[in-house]
Amino acid sequence: MRILSGIQPSGALHLGNYFGMMRPALELQEKGEAFYFIANYHSMTSLFDAPERRKHTLDVALDFLACGLDPKRTVFFRQSDVPEVTELAWLLSTVTPMGLLERAHSYKDKIAKGIAPSHGLFAYPVLMAADILIYDSNVVPVGRDQKQHVEMTRDIAIKFNEQYGETFVIPEPQIRDEAAVVPGTDGQKMSKSYGNTIEIFGDEKAIRKKIMGIVMDSRTAQEPKPDADKNLALQLLKLVAPPDAAKDLENRLRAGGLGYGDLKKALFESYWNYFAGPRKQRAELAARPDFVDKILSDGAHKARTLAQKVLHRAKVASGLV
């Protein structure tokens, strides 16, 4: 089973990225042949600062490696180091109906958020299809908000296969548990575009300030809070605290006697301890940028070896070779 997943270097990775995509991806390393890439081509639809893109690309690599990505088990690379993917995107675009792209939820959502429409943003699903199909991927783990893109990939691959003969493996989406949707500091889904994130490796003082600034209701410490399960700080704490400790705090919140300030302090301490080991590992990796670059280069070499074969197969099928 070949697994394919990617993440954009469009900003500092946060708890939503970690619990929504990274941790499930790290667990899947043990279950198949994993291809994980840093989607720097895709980031060009929303990030227009070149130095920022370079910085975030390195940061994503450091974050993944620090959190447990094993380059001996996983092919890890920069999307732009495999130019075959953009060539395949053109082949796929010639069989992609306009109506399919016009129905893309992601495009409509981004335009609604004020992102300027562009061909890249509109054709995003075609490039994503190329990312998936060029490695003969069997499984693509995604959240429910990305399921449509995998379904579009399937439609495009089937269309190409019908036109030119059996060429591409038809991938299957693997929908991540809805529990992986992490709330941000404002209660909405945690997202860089909402400015409500808690970074995985954020500055200690800055993260403490963010957590202590989470808005609670006006109930006093002594008042019982029977709706404790809806408390935002408690929801976040359950992600990073030992289950017994989280349950104890929830019980105290329900019964009364636990103030919101103490709850948020417990959240920060749990968060800080949860990433203590990876934080140390990240600092060590950051001091060895050449080592990290070699991991990405080696991964790109492995990815290109397969990508070239699949692209050649598609070019033969379509009469280009």
C-alpha atoms as a PDB file:
ATOM      1  CA  MET A   1       0.000   0.000   0.000  1.00  0.00           C
ATOM      2  CA  ARG A   2       1.420   3.353  -1.054  1.00  0.00           C
ATOM      3  CA  ILE A   3       0.313   6.348   1.025  1.00  0.00           C
ATOM      4  CA  LEU A   4       0.539   9.947  -0.232  1.00  0.00           C
ATOM      5  CA  SER A   5       0.159  13.117   1.808  1.00  0.00           C
ATOM      6  CA  GLY A   6       1.397  16.686   1.626  1.00  0.00           C
ATOM      7  CA  ILE A   7       1.344  19.882   3.662  1.00  0.00           C
ATOM      8  CA  GLN A   8       1.785  23.494   2.576  1.00  0.00           C
ATOM      9  CA  PRO A   9       4.642  25.653   3.905  1.00  0.00           C
ATOM     10  CA  SER A  10       2.401  28.690   4.246  1.00  0.00           C
ATOM     11  CA  GLY A  11       3.114  29.468   7.904  1.00  0.00           C
ATOM     12  CA  ALA A  12       4.182  27.999  11.237  1.00  0.00           C
ATOM     13  CA  LEU A  13       2.646  24.570  11.834  1.00  0.00           C
ATOM     14  CA  HIS A  14       0.192  24.426  14.731  1.00  0.00           C
ATOM     15  CA  LEU A  15      -1.759  21.966  16.868  1.00  0.00           C
ATOM     16  CA  GLY A  16      -4.425  21.672  14.172  1.00  0.00           C
ATOM     17  CA  ASN A  17      -1.768  20.564  11.674  1.00  0.00           C
ATOM     18  CA  TYR A  18      -0.192  18.200  14.178  1.00  0.00           C
ATOM     19  CA  PHE A  19      -3.301  16.347  15.349  1.00  0.00           C
ATOM     20  CA  GLY A  20      -5.148  16.688  12.046  1.00  0.00           C
ATOM     21  CA  MET A  21      -2.434  15.624   9.585  1.00  0.00           C
ATOM     22  CA  MET A  22       1.016  15.096  11.070  1.00  0.00           C
ATOM     23  CA  ARG A  23       0.400  12.577  13.834  1.00  0.00           C
ATOM     24  CA  PRO A  24      -1.854  10.366  11.656  1.00  0.00           C
ATOM     25  CA  ALA A  25       0.780  10.537   8.893  1.00  0.00           C
ATOM     26  CA  LEU A  26       3.536   9.541  11.315  1.00  0.00           C
ATOM     27  CA  GLU A  27       1.460   6.576  12.495  1.00  0.00           C
ATOM     28  CA  LEU A  28       0.932   5.460   8.885  1.00  0.00           C
ATOM     29  CA  GLN A  29       4.701   5.161   8.376  1.00  0.00           C
ATOM     30  CA  GLU A  30       4.390   1.722   9.918  1.00  0.00           C
ATOM     31  CA  LYS A  31       1.521   0.582   7.688  1.00  0.00           C
ATOM     32  CA  GLY A  32       2.742   1.092   4.146  1.00  0.00           C
ATOM     33  CA  GLU A  33       5.106   2.859   1.755  1.00  0.00           C
ATOM     34  CA  ALA A  34       4.690   6.531   2.628  1.00  0.00           C
ATOM     35  CA  PHE A  35       5.409   9.458   0.302  1.00  0.00           C
ATOM     36  CA  TYR A  36       5.137  12.776   2.179  1.00  0.00           C
ATOM     37  CA  PHE A  37       5.930  16.080   0.496  1.00  0.00           C
ATOM     38  CA  ILE A  38       6.198  19.758   1.352  1.00  0.00           C
ATOM     39  CA  ALA A  39       3.693  21.347  -1.035  1.00  0.00           C
ATOM     40  CA  ASN A  40       5.604  24.508  -1.929  1.00  0.00           C
ATOM     41  CA  TYR A  41       4.027  24.740  -5.415  1.00  0.00           C
ATOM     42  CA  HIS A  42       0.589  24.778  -3.804  1.00  0.00           C
ATOM     43  CA  SER A  43       1.664  27.486  -1.363  1.00  0.00           C
ATOM     44  CA  MET A  44       2.119  29.850  -4.310  1.00  0.00           C
ATOM     45  CA  THR A  45      -1.652  30.323  -4.523  1.00  0.00           C
ATOM     46  CA  SER A  46      -1.751  32.141  -1.186  1.00  0.00           C
ATOM     47  CA  LEU A  47       1.810  33.075  -0.152  1.00  0.00           C
ATOM     48  CA  PHE A  48       3.681  35.586  -2.305  1.00  0.00           C
ATOM     49  CA  ASP A  49       6.816  36.233  -0.256  1.00  0.00           C
ATOM     50  CA  ALA A  50       9.801  34.205  -1.538  1.00  0.00           C
ATOM     51  CA  PRO A  51      11.962  34.411   1.634  1.00  0.00           C
ATOM     52  CA  GLU A  52       8.953  33.420   3.729  1.00  0.00           C
ATOM     53  CA  ARG A  53       8.340  30.389   1.502  1.00  0.00           C
ATOM     54  CA  ARG A  54      11.964  29.272   1.889  1.00  0.00           C
ATOM     55  CA  LYS A  55      11.804  29.723   5.657  1.00  0.00           C
ATOM     56  CA  HIS A  56       8.499  27.898   6.045  1.00  0.00           C
ATOM     57  CA  THR A  57       9.691  25.060   3.805  1.00  0.00           C
ATOM     58  CA  LEU A  58      12.674  24.458   6.070  1.00  0.00           C
ATOM     59  CA  ASP A  59      10.482  24.840   9.151  1.00  0.00           C
ATOM     60  CA  VAL A  60       8.042  22.187   7.908  1.00  0.00           C
ATOM     61  CA  ALA A  61      10.946  19.806   7.314  1.00  0.00           C
ATOM     62  CA  LEU A  62      12.340  20.465  10.797  1.00  0.00           C
ATOM     63  CA  ASP A  63       8.910  20.087  12.423  1.00  0.00           C
ATOM     64  CA  PHE A  64       8.150  16.769  10.737  1.00  0.00           C
ATOM     65  CA  LEU A  65      11.555  15.278  11.448  1.00  0.00           C
ATOM     66  CA  ALA A  66      11.500  16.477  15.057  1.00  0.00           C
ATOM     67  CA  CYS A  67       8.061  14.946  15.584  1.00  0.00           C
ATOM     68  CA  GLY A  68       9.177  11.526  14.413  1.00  0.00           C
ATOM     69  CA  LEU A  69       9.229  11.251  10.640  1.00  0.00           C
ATOM     70  CA  ASP A  70      11.709   8.500   9.763  1.00  0.00           C
ATOM     71  CA  PRO A  71      13.441   9.183   6.422  1.00  0.00           C
ATOM     72  CA  LYS A  72      14.548   5.535   6.314  1.00  0.00           C
ATOM     73  CA  ARG A  73      10.908   4.459   6.160  1.00  0.00           C
ATOM     74  CA  THR A  74       9.330   7.451   4.435  1.00  0.00           C
ATOM     75  CA  VAL A  75      10.063   9.254   1.174  1.00  0.00           C
ATOM     76  CA  PHE A  76      10.143  12.891   2.307  1.00  0.00           C
ATOM     77  CA  PHE A  77      10.745  15.664  -0.217  1.00  0.00           C
ATOM     78  CA  ARG A  78       9.956  19.132  -1.555  1.00  0.00           C
ATOM     79  CA  GLN A  79       7.217  19.149  -4.191  1.00  0.00           C
ATOM     80  CA  SER A  80       9.241  21.487  -6.436  1.00  0.00           C
ATOM     81  CA  ASP A  81      12.144  19.009  -6.537  1.00  0.00           C
ATOM     82  CA  VAL A  82       9.955  16.708  -8.672  1.00  0.00           C
ATOM     83  CA  PRO A  83       9.273  18.780 -11.823  1.00  0.00           C
ATOM     84  CA  GLU A  84       7.527  15.812 -13.439  1.00  0.00           C
ATOM     85  CA  VAL A  85       4.461  16.614 -11.347  1.00  0.00           C
ATOM     86  CA  THR A  86       3.847  19.896 -13.206  1.00  0.00           C
ATOM     87  CA  GLU A  87       4.235  18.180 -16.587  1.00  0.00           C
ATOM     88  CA  LEU A  88       1.698  15.558 -15.584  1.00  0.00           C
ATOM     89  CA  ALA A  89      -0.622  18.326 -14.376  1.00  0.00           C
ATOM     90  CA  TRP A  90      -0.755  19.636 -17.961  1.00  0.00           C
ATOM     91  CA  LEU A  91      -1.646  16.200 -19.349  1.00  0.00           C
ATOM     92  CA  LEU A  92      -4.398  15.849 -16.770  1.00  0.00           C
ATOM     93  CA  SER A  93      -5.710  19.363 -17.387  1.00  0.00           C
ATOM     94  CA  THR A  94      -6.547  18.446 -20.988  1.00  0.00           C
ATOM     95  CA  VAL A  95      -9.145  15.909 -19.820  1.00  0.00           C
ATOM     96  CA  THR A  96     -10.434  17.864 -16.809  1.00  0.00           C
ATOM     97  CA  PRO A  97     -13.886  19.373 -17.402  1.00  0.00           C
ATOM     98  CA  MET A  98     -14.276  23.033 -16.470  1.00  0.00           C
ATOM     99  CA  GLY A  99     -17.475  22.190 -14.625  1.00  0.00           C
ATOM    100  CA  LEU A 100     -15.553  19.887 -12.290  1.00  0.00           C
ATOM    101  CA  LEU A 101     -13.207  22.702 -11.263  1.00  0.00           C
ATOM    102  CA  GLU A 102     -16.056  25.204 -10.945  1.00  0.00           C
ATOM    103  CA  ARG A 103     -17.693  22.945  -8.348  1.00  0.00           C
ATOM    104  CA  ALA A 104     -14.615  22.876  -6.097  1.00  0.00           C
ATOM    105  CA  HIS A 105     -15.568  23.939  -2.555  1.00  0.00           C
ATOM    106  CA  SER A 106     -12.012  24.987  -1.693  1.00  0.00           C
ATOM    107  CA  TYR A 107     -11.843  27.503  -4.557  1.00  0.00           C
ATOM    108  CA  LYS A 108     -15.143  29.090  -3.550  1.00  0.00           C
ATOM    109  CA  ASP A 109     -14.149  29.212   0.117  1.00  0.00           C
ATOM    110  CA  LYS A 110     -10.803  30.887  -0.571  1.00  0.00           C
ATOM    111  CA  ILE A 111     -12.339  33.469  -2.861  1.00  0.00           C
ATOM    112  CA  ALA A 112     -14.923  34.200  -0.151  1.00  0.00           C
ATOM    113  CA  LYS A 113     -12.062  34.788   2.303  1.00  0.00           C
ATOM    114  CA  GLY A 114     -10.589  37.444   0.042  1.00  0.00           C
ATOM    115  CA  ILE A 115      -7.860  35.501  -1.763  1.00  0.00           C
ATOM    116  CA  ALA A 116      -7.521  36.904  -5.285  1.00  0.00           C
ATOM    117  CA  PRO A 117      -8.716  34.435  -7.947  1.00  0.00           C
ATOM    118  CA  SER A 118      -5.981  33.094 -10.202  1.00  0.00           C
ATOM    119  CA  HIS A 119      -5.503  30.226 -12.623  1.00  0.00           C
ATOM    120  CA  GLY A 120      -3.313  28.505 -10.031  1.00  0.00           C
ATOM    121  CA  LEU A 121      -6.032  28.685  -7.392  1.00  0.00           C
ATOM    122  CA  PHE A 122      -8.672  27.516  -9.867  1.00  0.00           C
ATOM    123  CA  ALA A 123      -6.527  24.650 -11.197  1.00  0.00           C
ATOM    124  CA  TYR A 124      -5.317  23.620  -7.730  1.00  0.00           C
ATOM    125  CA  PRO A 125      -7.235  20.287  -7.886  1.00  0.00           C
ATOM    126  CA  VAL A 126      -5.442  19.318 -11.115  1.00  0.00           C
ATOM    127  CA  LEU A 127      -2.016  19.815  -9.552  1.00  0.00           C
ATOM    128  CA  MET A 128      -3.209  17.890  -6.503  1.00  0.00           C
ATOM    129  CA  ALA A 129      -4.359  15.093  -8.808  1.00  0.00           C
ATOM    130  CA  ALA A 130      -0.889  15.021 -10.385  1.00  0.00           C
ATOM    131  CA  ASP A 131       0.678  14.855  -6.905  1.00  0.00           C
ATOM    132  CA  ILE A 132      -1.403  11.789  -6.112  1.00  0.00           C
ATOM    133  CA  LEU A 133      -1.372   9.952  -9.436  1.00  0.00           C
ATOM    134  CA  ILE A 134       2.319  10.339 -10.268  1.00  0.00           C
ATOM    135  CA  TYR A 135       3.310   7.999  -7.429  1.00  0.00           C
ATOM    136  CA  ASP A 136       0.654   5.328  -8.102  1.00  0.00           C
ATOM    137  CA  SER A 137      -0.800   6.197  -4.703  1.00  0.00           C
ATOM    138  CA  ASN A 138      -3.353   3.787  -3.236  1.00  0.00           C
ATOM    139  CA  VAL A 139      -4.410   5.730  -0.147  1.00  0.00           C
ATOM    140  CA  VAL A 140      -4.675   9.475   0.492  1.00  0.00           C
ATOM    141  CA  PRO A 141      -5.420  10.418   4.126  1.00  0.00           C
ATOM    142  CA  VAL A 142      -7.482  13.634   4.218  1.00  0.00           C
ATOM    143  CA  GLY A 143      -9.888  15.532   6.415  1.00  0.00           C
ATOM    144  CA  ARG A 144     -13.512  15.761   5.329  1.00  0.00           C
ATOM    145  CA  ASP A 145     -12.888  19.240   3.895  1.00  0.00           C
ATOM    146  CA  GLN A 146     -10.351  17.748   1.453  1.00  0.00           C
ATOM    147  CA  LYS A 147     -12.356  14.659   0.481  1.00  0.00           C
ATOM    148  CA  GLN A 148     -13.728  16.405  -2.606  1.00  0.00           C
ATOM    149  CA  HIS A 149     -10.208  16.918  -3.990  1.00  0.00           C
ATOM    150  CA  VAL A 150      -9.480  13.181  -3.834  1.00  0.00           C
ATOM    151  CA  GLU A 151     -12.839  12.470  -5.458  1.00  0.00           C
ATOM    152  CA  MET A 152     -11.892  14.940  -8.208  1.00  0.00           C
ATOM    153  CA  THR A 153      -8.557  13.137  -8.606  1.00  0.00           C
ATOM    154  CA  ARG A 154     -10.443   9.883  -9.088  1.00  0.00           C
ATOM    155  CA  ASP A 155     -12.709  11.517 -11.684  1.00  0.00           C
ATOM    156  CA  ILE A 156      -9.733  12.942 -13.595  1.00  0.00           C
ATOM    157  CA  ALA A 157      -7.844   9.628 -13.527  1.00  0.00           C
ATOM    158  CA  ILE A 158     -10.901   7.702 -14.729  1.00  0.00           C
ATOM    159  CA  LYS A 159     -11.425  10.259 -17.511  1.00  0.00           C
ATOM    160  CA  PHE A 160      -7.795   9.878 -18.646  1.00  0.00           C
ATOM    161  CA  ASN A 161      -7.986   6.078 -18.470  1.00  0.00           C
ATOM    162  CA  GLU A 162     -11.188   6.074 -20.536  1.00  0.00           C
ATOM    163  CA  GLN A 163      -9.599   8.349 -23.120  1.00  0.00           C
ATOM    164  CA  TYR A 164      -6.187   6.691 -23.439  1.00  0.00           C
ATOM    165  CA  GLY A 165      -6.416   3.267 -21.808  1.00  0.00           C
ATOM    166  CA  GLU A 166      -5.588   2.047 -18.308  1.00  0.00           C
ATOM    167  CA  THR A 167      -2.797   4.337 -17.134  1.00  0.00           C
ATOM    168  CA  PHE A 168      -3.357   5.470 -13.546  1.00  0.00           C
ATOM    169  CA  VAL A 169      -4.037   3.728 -10.272  1.00  0.00           C
ATOM    170  CA  ILE A 170      -7.354   4.982  -8.878  1.00  0.00           C
ATOM    171  CA  PRO A 171      -6.672   6.187  -5.298  1.00  0.00           C
ATOM    172  CA  GLU A 172      -8.951   5.872  -2.299  1.00  0.00           C
ATOM    173  CA  PRO A 173      -9.457   8.645   0.270  1.00  0.00           C
ATOM    174  CA  GLN A 174      -8.923   7.717   3.915  1.00  0.00           C
ATOM    175  CA  ILE A 175     -11.028  10.125   5.938  1.00  0.00           C
ATOM    176  CA  ARG A 176      -9.475  11.173   9.219  1.00  0.00           C
ATOM    177  CA  ASP A 177     -11.574  11.085  12.369  1.00  0.00           C
ATOM    178  CA  GLU A 178     -13.601  14.257  12.943  1.00  0.00           C
ATOM    179  CA  ALA A 179     -12.031  14.353  16.414  1.00  0.00           C
ATOM    180  CA  ALA A 180      -8.891  15.487  14.612  1.00  0.00           C
ATOM    181  CA  VAL A 181     -10.546  18.870  13.931  1.00  0.00           C
ATOM    182  CA  VAL A 182      -8.777  21.025  16.515  1.00  0.00           C
ATOM    183  CA  PRO A 183     -10.466  24.218  17.752  1.00  0.00           C
ATOM    184  CA  GLY A 184      -8.498  27.449  17.649  1.00  0.00           C
ATOM    185  CA  THR A 185      -8.200  29.987  20.451  1.00  0.00           C
ATOM    186  CA  ASP A 186     -11.443  31.596  19.268  1.00  0.00           C
ATOM    187  CA  GLY A 187     -13.454  28.366  19.029  1.00  0.00           C
ATOM    188  CA  GLN A 188     -13.372  28.161  15.230  1.00  0.00           C
ATOM    189  CA  LYS A 189     -11.341  25.463  13.470  1.00  0.00           C
ATOM    190  CA  MET A 190      -7.663  26.174  14.130  1.00  0.00           C
ATOM    191  CA  SER A 191      -6.284  27.780  10.981  1.00  0.00           C
ATOM    192  CA  LYS A 192      -3.536  30.223  10.045  1.00  0.00           C
ATOM    193  CA  SER A 193      -6.079  32.164   8.002  1.00  0.00           C
ATOM    194  CA  TYR A 194      -8.127  32.826  11.158  1.00  0.00           C
ATOM    195  CA  GLY A 195      -5.126  33.893  13.259  1.00  0.00           C
ATOM    196  CA  ASN A 196      -6.242  31.552  16.063  1.00  0.00           C
ATOM    197  CA  THR A 197      -3.384  29.061  16.159  1.00  0.00           C
ATOM    198  CA  ILE A 198      -1.173  27.574  18.843  1.00  0.00           C
ATOM    199  CA  GLU A 199       2.102  26.745  17.115  1.00  0.00           C
ATOM    200  CA  ILE A 200       3.739  23.365  17.753  1.00  0.00           C
ATOM    201  CA  PHE A 201       7.102  24.986  18.437  1.00  0.00           C
ATOM    202  CA  GLY A 202       6.061  28.495  19.350  1.00  0.00           C
ATOM    203  CA  ASP A 203       7.914  30.904  21.615  1.00  0.00           C
ATOM    204  CA  GLU A 204       7.232  30.102  25.264  1.00  0.00           C
ATOM    205  CA  LYS A 205       6.092  33.579  26.314  1.00  0.00           C
ATOM    206  CA  ALA A 206       4.010  34.152  23.186  1.00  0.00           C
ATOM    207  CA  ILE A 207       2.184  30.820  23.501  1.00  0.00           C
ATOM    208  CA  ARG A 208       1.580  31.312  27.218  1.00  0.00           C
ATOM    209  CA  LYS A 209       0.019  34.700  26.421  1.00  0.00           C
ATOM    210  CA  LYS A 210      -2.196  33.173  23.727  1.00  0.00           C
ATOM    211  CA  ILE A 211      -3.431  30.420  26.008  1.00  0.00           C
ATOM    212  CA  MET A 212      -4.027  32.687  28.981  1.00  0.00           C
ATOM    213  CA  GLY A 213      -5.925  35.027  26.652  1.00  0.00           C
ATOM    214  CA  ILE A 214      -8.531  32.418  25.661  1.00  0.00           C
ATOM    215  CA  VAL A 215     -11.903  33.960  26.485  1.00  0.00           C
ATOM    216  CA  MET A 216     -14.044  32.115  29.039  1.00  0.00           C
ATOM    217  CA  ASP A 217     -17.514  32.860  30.421  1.00  0.00           C
ATOM    218  CA  SER A 218     -18.089  34.890  33.597  1.00  0.00           C
ATOM    219  CA  ARG A 219     -18.674  32.021  36.056  1.00  0.00           C
ATOM    220  CA  THR A 220     -16.506  32.080  39.173  1.00  0.00           C
ATOM    221  CA  ALA A 221     -14.112  29.336  40.217  1.00  0.00           C
ATOM    222  CA  GLN A 222     -16.567  27.982  42.804  1.00  0.00           C
ATOM    223  CA  GLU A 223     -19.520  27.669  40.441  1.00  0.00           C
ATOM    224  CA  PRO A 224     -20.193  24.179  39.004  1.00  0.00           C
ATOM    225  CA  LYS A 225     -19.814  23.930  35.232  1.00  0.00           C
ATOM    226  CA  PRO A 226     -21.878  20.964  34.038  1.00  0.00           C
ATOM    227  CA  ASP A 227     -21.104  21.804  30.398  1.00  0.00           C
ATOM    228  CA  ALA A 228     -17.362  21.359  30.988  1.00  0.00           C
ATOM    229  CA  ASP A 229     -16.997  19.192  27.864  1.00  0.00           C
ATOM    230  CA  LYS A 230     -17.768  22.300  25.768  1.00  0.00           C
ATOM    231  CA  ASN A 231     -15.014  24.344  27.425  1.00  0.00           C
ATOM    232  CA  LEU A 232     -12.467  25.371  24.789  1.00  0.00           C
ATOM    233  CA  ALA A 233      -9.413  25.196  27.063  1.00  0.00           C
ATOM    234  CA  LEU A 234     -10.458  21.746  28.272  1.00  0.00           C
ATOM    235  CA  GLN A 235     -10.930  20.500  24.692  1.00  0.00           C
ATOM    236  CA  LEU A 236      -7.372  21.574  23.874  1.00  0.00           C
ATOM    237  CA  LEU A 237      -6.003  20.182  27.122  1.00  0.00           C
ATOM    238  CA  LYS A 238      -7.430  16.735  26.333  1.00  0.00           C
ATOM    239  CA  LEU A 239      -5.174  16.624  23.271  1.00  0.00           C
ATOM    240  CA  VAL A 240      -1.916  17.180  25.144  1.00  0.00           C
ATOM    241  CA  ALA A 241      -2.479  16.020  28.742  1.00  0.00           C
ATOM    242  CA  PRO A 242      -2.430  12.443  30.072  1.00  0.00           C
ATOM    243  CA  PRO A 243      -6.037  11.113  30.024  1.00  0.00           C
ATOM    244  CA  ASP A 244      -6.213  10.710  33.817  1.00  0.00           C
ATOM    245  CA  ALA A 245      -5.024  14.269  34.435  1.00  0.00           C
ATOM    246  CA  ALA A 246      -7.462  15.677  31.887  1.00  0.00           C
ATOM    247  CA  LYS A 247     -10.334  13.717  33.391  1.00  0.00           C
ATOM    248  CA  ASP A 248      -9.498  14.964  36.891  1.00  0.00           C
ATOM    249  CA  LEU A 249      -9.547  18.582  35.730  1.00  0.00           C
ATOM    250  CA  GLU A 250     -12.843  18.014  33.912  1.00  0.00           C
ATOM    251  CA  ASN A 251     -14.405  16.550  37.066  1.00  0.00           C
ATOM    252  CA  ARG A 252     -13.183  19.480  39.157  1.00  0.00           C
ATOM    253  CA  LEU A 253     -14.578  21.907  36.588  1.00  0.00           C
ATOM    254  CA  ARG A 254     -17.966  20.215  36.654  1.00  0.00           C
ATOM    255  CA  ALA A 255     -18.128  20.080  40.442  1.00  0.00           C
ATOM    256  CA  GLY A 256     -16.892  23.641  40.994  1.00  0.00           C
ATOM    257  CA  GLY A 257     -13.711  24.756  42.656  1.00  0.00           C
ATOM    258  CA  LEU A 258     -11.473  25.014  39.592  1.00  0.00           C
ATOM    259  CA  GLY A 259     -10.937  28.476  38.138  1.00  0.00           C
ATOM    260  CA  TYR A 260     -10.437  29.162  34.471  1.00  0.00           C
ATOM    261  CA  GLY A 261      -7.023  30.713  35.135  1.00  0.00           C
ATOM    262  CA  ASP A 262      -5.783  27.491  36.728  1.00  0.00           C
ATOM    263  CA  LEU A 263      -7.272  25.473  33.868  1.00  0.00           C
ATOM    264  CA  LYS A 264      -5.425  27.563  31.289  1.00  0.00           C
ATOM    265  CA  LYS A 265      -2.179  27.289  33.259  1.00  0.00           C
ATOM    266  CA  ALA A 266      -2.607  23.505  33.230  1.00  0.00           C
ATOM    267  CA  LEU A 267      -3.220  23.656  29.471  1.00  0.00           C
ATOM    268  CA  PHE A 268      -0.003  25.565  28.859  1.00  0.00           C
ATOM    269  CA  GLU A 269       2.078  23.236  31.039  1.00  0.00           C
ATOM    270  CA  SER A 270       0.625  20.166  29.334  1.00  0.00           C
ATOM    271  CA  TYR A 271       1.271  21.642  25.893  1.00  0.00           C
ATOM    272  CA  TRP A 272       4.843  22.610  26.794  1.00  0.00           C
ATOM    273  CA  ASN A 273       5.617  19.160  28.225  1.00  0.00           C
ATOM    274  CA  TYR A 274       3.959  17.307  25.344  1.00  0.00           C
ATOM    275  CA  PHE A 275       6.414  18.732  22.823  1.00  0.00           C
ATOM    276  CA  ALA A 276       9.474  18.852  25.115  1.00  0.00           C
ATOM    277  CA  GLY A 277      11.257  15.945  23.405  1.00  0.00           C
ATOM    278  CA  PRO A 278      10.503  17.080  19.837  1.00  0.00           C
ATOM    279  CA  ARG A 279      11.501  20.650  20.797  1.00  0.00           C
ATOM    280  CA  LYS A 280      14.969  19.431  21.793  1.00  0.00           C
ATOM    281  CA  GLN A 281      15.241  17.310  18.656  1.00  0.00           C
ATOM    282  CA  ARG A 282      14.214  20.246  16.478  1.00  0.00           C
ATOM    283  CA  ALA A 283      16.913  22.485  17.950  1.00  0.00           C
ATOM    284  CA  GLU A 284      19.518  19.826  17.151  1.00  0.00           C
ATOM    285  CA  LEU A 285      18.259  19.460  13.578  1.00  0.00           C
ATOM    286  CA  ALA A 286      18.147  23.235  13.060  1.00  0.00           C
ATOM    287  CA  ALA A 287      21.873  23.312  13.778  1.00  0.00           C
ATOM    288  CA  ARG A 288      22.424  20.861  10.886  1.00  0.00           C
ATOM    289  CA  PRO A 289      20.693  22.408   7.850  1.00  0.00           C
ATOM    290  CA  ASP A 290      22.872  20.460   5.391  1.00  0.00           C
ATOM    291  CA  PHE A 291      21.753  17.195   6.982  1.00  0.00           C
ATOM    292  CA  VAL A 292      18.091  18.191   6.636  1.00  0.00           C
ATOM    293  CA  ASP A 293      18.619  19.284   3.024  1.00  0.00           C
ATOM    294  CA  LYS A 294      20.216  15.931   2.206  1.00  0.00           C
ATOM    295  CA  ILE A 295      17.192  14.099   3.595  1.00  0.00           C
ATOM    296  CA  LEU A 296      14.925  16.142   1.307  1.00  0.00           C
ATOM    297  CA  SER A 297      17.238  15.702  -1.690  1.00  0.00           C
ATOM    298  CA  ASP A 298      17.482  11.943  -1.167  1.00  0.00           C
ATOM    299  CA  GLY A 299      13.709  11.790  -0.855  1.00  0.00           C
ATOM    300  CA  ALA A 300      13.273  13.776  -4.070  1.00  0.00           C
ATOM    301  CA  HIS A 301      15.605  11.365  -5.901  1.00  0.00           C
ATOM    302  CA  LYS A 302      13.472   8.390  -4.826  1.00  0.00           C
ATOM    303  CA  ALA A 303      10.264  10.245  -5.686  1.00  0.00           C
ATOM    304  CA  ARG A 304      11.554  11.279  -9.133  1.00  0.00           C
ATOM    305  CA  THR A 305      12.599   7.733  -9.953  1.00  0.00           C
ATOM    306  CA  LEU A 306       8.994   6.625  -9.612  1.00  0.00           C
ATOM    307  CA  ALA A 307       7.477   9.827 -11.023  1.00  0.00           C
ATOM    308  CA  GLN A 308       9.485   9.536 -14.240  1.00  0.00           C
ATOM    309  CA  LYS A 309       8.170   6.014 -14.833  1.00  0.00           C
ATOM    310  CA  VAL A 310       4.546   7.015 -14.286  1.00  0.00           C
ATOM    311  CA  LEU A 311       4.885  10.169 -16.413  1.00  0.00           C
ATOM    312  CA  HIS A 312       6.475   8.131 -19.230  1.00  0.00           C
ATOM    313  CA  ARG A 313       3.585   5.675 -19.026  1.00  0.00           C
ATOM    314  CA  ALA A 314       1.098   8.537 -19.371  1.00  0.00           C
ATOM    315  CA  LYS A 315       3.016  10.071 -22.288  1.00  0.00           C
ATOM    316  CA  VAL A 316       3.140   6.759 -24.133  1.00  0.00           C
ATOM    317  CA  ALA A 317      -0.575   6.213 -23.540  1.00  0.00           C
ATOM    318  CA  SER A 318      -1.461   9.686 -24.847  1.00  0.00           C
ATOM    319  CA  GLY A 319       0.784   9.521 -27.909  1.00  0.00           C
ATOM    320  CA  LEU A 320       3.454  11.974 -26.763  1.00  0.00           C
ATOM    321  CA  VAL A 321       6.171   9.296 -26.917  1.00  0.00           C
END
